[in-house]
């Protein structure tokens, strides 16, 4: 079993965190997955944390988690904080697989999205 984990920064504004949760539901529907197959986690200010979200996935029998960094640029959260969290999880769950996808801003689809908005 494989799951998608969308990792965002997290906000003190709960409505901002809820936007990410709603996005996960929409992504699951677009991929024709159950809502449980797409989860969210936050680096700070909101829950669940990455550690808790990964623990939940693996405790439910997931063998592989694809982590999508929901960040526009490759700043410290993408190049330092997230890899540190993933490394820690892999130490705990050495028999599981975690694949970190490119951060959302690195996607060529962003060019099309911006062009459409213009």
Protein backbone atom coordinates (compact mmCIF):
# COMPACT_ATOMS: atom_id res chain seq x y z
CA UNK A 1 0.00 0.00 0.00
CA UNK A 2 1.24 3.49 -0.95
CA UNK A 3 0.13 6.90 0.35
CA UNK A 4 0.76 10.51 -0.58
CA UNK A 5 1.74 12.93 2.20
CA UNK A 6 1.48 16.62 1.36
CA UNK A 7 3.83 18.54 3.65
CA UNK A 8 3.19 22.25 4.12
CA UNK A 9 4.73 24.86 6.38
CA UNK A 10 1.81 25.26 8.73
CA UNK A 11 0.23 28.46 9.96
CA UNK A 12 -1.04 30.02 13.13
CA UNK A 13 -4.21 30.71 11.11
CA UNK A 14 -6.24 27.53 11.22
CA UNK A 15 -8.09 28.50 8.05
CA UNK A 16 -4.76 28.37 6.17
CA UNK A 17 -4.08 24.88 7.48
CA UNK A 18 -7.60 23.85 6.51
CA UNK A 19 -6.88 24.94 2.92
CA UNK A 20 -4.18 22.25 2.77
CA UNK A 21 -6.54 19.63 4.19
CA UNK A 22 -9.16 20.52 1.58
CA UNK A 23 -6.49 20.36 -1.12
CA UNK A 24 -5.61 16.82 -0.01
CA UNK A 25 -9.23 15.73 -0.37
CA UNK A 26 -9.39 17.25 -3.86
CA UNK A 27 -6.11 15.56 -4.87
CA UNK A 28 -7.41 12.21 -3.62
CA UNK A 29 -10.57 12.65 -5.68
CA UNK A 30 -8.60 13.65 -8.79
CA UNK A 31 -6.40 10.56 -8.40
CA UNK A 32 -9.47 8.41 -7.67
CA UNK A 33 -8.08 7.46 -4.28
CA UNK A 34 -9.79 7.32 -0.93
CA UNK A 35 -9.38 10.35 1.30
CA UNK A 36 -7.19 8.19 3.57
CA UNK A 37 -4.67 7.67 0.77
CA UNK A 38 -3.70 11.36 0.76
CA UNK A 39 -2.65 12.92 4.07
CA UNK A 40 -1.20 16.22 5.20
CA UNK A 41 1.52 17.17 7.65
CA UNK A 42 3.02 20.43 8.79
CA UNK A 43 6.55 21.52 9.66
CA UNK A 44 5.41 23.91 12.35
CA UNK A 45 2.46 25.76 13.91
CA UNK A 46 -0.06 23.02 13.05
CA UNK A 47 -0.65 19.33 13.40
CA UNK A 48 -0.09 16.66 12.57
CA UNK A 49 3.66 16.94 12.48
CA UNK A 50 5.59 15.04 9.83
CA UNK A 51 6.67 12.47 12.41
CA UNK A 52 3.11 11.83 13.57
CA UNK A 53 1.73 11.70 10.03
CA UNK A 54 4.37 9.19 8.92
CA UNK A 55 3.83 7.11 12.06
CA UNK A 56 0.10 7.06 11.31
CA UNK A 57 0.73 5.95 7.72
CA UNK A 58 3.09 3.14 8.69
CA UNK A 59 1.01 2.02 11.68
CA UNK A 60 -1.91 1.56 9.24
CA UNK A 61 0.15 -0.81 7.12
CA UNK A 62 1.45 1.55 4.46
CA UNK A 63 4.68 0.29 2.89
CA UNK A 64 5.63 3.44 0.96
CA UNK A 65 4.90 7.13 1.44
CA UNK A 66 5.41 9.68 -1.30
CA UNK A 67 6.13 13.04 0.33
CA UNK A 68 5.18 16.15 -1.65
CA UNK A 69 6.76 19.33 -0.24
CA UNK A 70 4.09 21.98 -0.71
CA UNK A 71 6.58 24.84 -1.01
CA UNK A 72 7.20 27.28 -3.82
CA UNK A 73 10.97 27.45 -3.48
CA UNK A 74 13.81 25.26 -2.28
CA UNK A 75 14.51 27.14 0.95
CA UNK A 76 15.75 25.77 4.26
CA UNK A 77 12.53 23.91 4.98
CA UNK A 78 12.90 21.98 1.72
CA UNK A 79 16.66 21.40 1.72
CA UNK A 80 17.33 21.00 5.46
CA UNK A 81 14.28 20.59 7.68
CA UNK A 82 12.29 18.13 5.61
CA UNK A 83 15.27 15.84 4.85
CA UNK A 84 16.08 15.80 8.58
CA UNK A 85 12.52 14.71 9.38
CA UNK A 86 12.60 12.03 6.68
CA UNK A 87 15.97 10.72 7.87
CA UNK A 88 14.62 10.45 11.41
CA UNK A 89 11.53 8.58 10.19
CA UNK A 90 13.61 6.16 8.13
CA UNK A 91 15.71 5.38 11.20
CA UNK A 92 12.52 4.51 13.04
CA UNK A 93 10.85 2.71 10.11
CA UNK A 94 13.83 1.08 8.39
CA UNK A 95 11.64 -1.51 6.68
CA UNK A 96 9.47 1.15 4.97
CA UNK A 97 10.05 3.42 1.97
CA UNK A 98 9.76 7.19 1.84
CA UNK A 99 10.21 8.99 -1.46
CA UNK A 100 10.47 12.77 -1.40
CA UNK A 101 9.10 14.34 -4.56
CA UNK A 102 10.36 17.69 -5.91
CA UNK A 103 8.83 20.69 -4.13
CA UNK A 104 5.74 22.05 -5.84
CA UNK A 105 7.46 25.21 -7.10
CA UNK A 106 9.97 23.13 -9.06
CA UNK A 107 7.21 21.62 -11.20
CA UNK A 108 6.96 22.69 -14.82
CA UNK A 109 3.23 22.79 -14.25
CA UNK A 110 3.79 25.97 -12.22
CA UNK A 111 4.85 27.77 -15.41
CA UNK A 112 1.54 26.87 -17.04
CA UNK A 113 -0.42 27.85 -13.94
CA UNK A 114 1.22 31.27 -13.80
CA UNK A 115 0.79 31.76 -17.54
CA UNK A 116 -2.92 30.91 -17.23
CA UNK A 117 -3.32 33.45 -14.44
CA UNK A 118 -1.76 36.15 -16.60
